[in-house]
């Protein structure tokens, strides 16, 4: 990650969190300067609630697993968000 202040560091591209009610899958990947990858998959992720960079669901069985696989494969191919639109690849 890189903040506008210049501070930078490393973070996970994909992370998962869980609590008593839901599971959250966070995907740090952009498909354009202002569009997160998860947003572009929102219509395919029925059974879950897609935000900008997070998919929340209560049961894995509720999600379209093919769409989830495609999302994760696409995330692996894209540059980290801090490098979108730069030449640092």
Protein backbone atom coordinates (compact mmCIF):
# COMPACT_ATOMS: atom_id res chain seq x y z
CA UNK A 1 0.00 0.00 0.00
CA UNK A 2 1.01 3.60 -0.47
CA UNK A 3 -0.70 6.58 1.12
CA UNK A 4 -0.77 10.06 -0.40
CA UNK A 5 1.55 11.13 2.42
CA UNK A 6 4.24 8.87 0.98
CA UNK A 7 4.03 6.26 3.73
CA UNK A 8 4.06 2.77 2.26
CA UNK A 9 4.23 -0.86 3.26
CA UNK A 10 3.09 -4.32 2.31
CA UNK A 11 -0.35 -5.83 2.77
CA UNK A 12 -2.19 -8.97 1.79
CA UNK A 13 -3.80 -9.12 -1.64
CA UNK A 14 -6.48 -11.51 -0.36
CA UNK A 15 -7.56 -11.91 3.25
CA UNK A 16 -10.45 -13.50 5.06
CA UNK A 17 -12.15 -12.69 8.32
CA UNK A 18 -15.01 -14.27 10.20
CA UNK A 19 -17.30 -13.46 13.07
CA UNK A 20 -20.39 -15.12 14.49
CA UNK A 21 -22.67 -13.95 11.66
CA UNK A 22 -20.64 -13.71 8.47
CA UNK A 23 -17.43 -14.35 6.60
CA UNK A 24 -15.66 -11.48 4.84
CA UNK A 25 -13.36 -12.02 1.86
CA UNK A 26 -11.23 -8.93 1.18
CA UNK A 27 -9.60 -8.60 -2.25
CA UNK A 28 -7.13 -5.74 -2.78
CA UNK A 29 -7.12 -5.47 -6.56
CA UNK A 30 -8.23 -2.78 -9.00
CA UNK A 31 -9.41 -3.17 -12.59
CA UNK A 32 -9.08 0.55 -13.26
CA UNK A 33 -8.14 3.72 -11.45
CA UNK A 34 -11.47 3.91 -9.61
CA UNK A 35 -12.98 0.41 -9.81
CA UNK A 36 -12.16 -2.45 -7.48
CA UNK A 37 -12.17 -6.00 -8.81
CA UNK A 38 -14.90 -7.11 -6.39
CA UNK A 39 -17.19 -4.37 -7.77
CA UNK A 40 -16.78 -5.77 -11.26
CA UNK A 41 -17.86 -9.22 -10.01
CA UNK A 42 -20.82 -8.00 -7.92
CA UNK A 43 -23.47 -9.28 -10.33
CA UNK A 44 -21.87 -12.76 -10.34
CA UNK A 45 -21.59 -13.00 -6.56
CA UNK A 46 -25.27 -13.61 -5.81
CA UNK A 47 -25.69 -15.11 -2.37
CA UNK A 48 -23.25 -12.64 -0.90
CA UNK A 49 -23.05 -8.89 -0.47
CA UNK A 50 -20.31 -7.28 -2.52
CA UNK A 51 -18.83 -3.95 -1.54
CA UNK A 52 -15.95 -2.13 -3.19
CA UNK A 53 -13.27 -4.62 -2.18
CA UNK A 54 -15.06 -7.09 0.08
CA UNK A 55 -17.56 -9.93 -0.31
CA UNK A 56 -19.59 -10.82 2.78
CA UNK A 57 -21.54 -14.05 3.08
CA UNK A 58 -22.98 -16.28 5.78
CA UNK A 59 -22.42 -19.63 4.06
CA UNK A 60 -19.91 -20.58 1.40
CA UNK A 61 -22.57 -22.80 -0.18
CA UNK A 62 -24.63 -19.66 -0.88
CA UNK A 63 -21.99 -18.26 -3.27
CA UNK A 64 -21.40 -19.17 -6.90
CA UNK A 65 -18.10 -21.03 -6.47
CA UNK A 66 -17.15 -20.63 -10.14
CA UNK A 67 -17.51 -16.85 -9.82
CA UNK A 68 -15.46 -16.95 -6.61
CA UNK A 69 -12.69 -18.94 -8.34
CA UNK A 70 -12.72 -16.47 -11.25
CA UNK A 71 -12.50 -13.55 -8.81
CA UNK A 72 -9.49 -15.03 -7.02
CA UNK A 73 -7.76 -15.96 -10.30
CA UNK A 74 -8.26 -12.43 -11.62
CA UNK A 75 -6.89 -10.96 -8.37
CA UNK A 76 -3.72 -13.02 -8.77
CA UNK A 77 -3.17 -11.58 -12.27
CA UNK A 78 -3.69 -7.90 -11.45
CA UNK A 79 -1.13 -5.50 -10.02
CA UNK A 80 -1.54 -4.34 -6.42
CA UNK A 81 -3.76 -1.25 -6.05
CA UNK A 82 -0.83 1.05 -5.29
CA UNK A 83 0.71 0.26 -8.67
CA UNK A 84 -2.32 0.75 -10.93
CA UNK A 85 -1.58 3.51 -13.39
CA UNK A 86 2.14 3.63 -12.56
CA UNK A 87 5.18 2.21 -14.27
CA UNK A 88 6.46 0.39 -11.17
CA UNK A 89 5.35 -3.07 -12.32
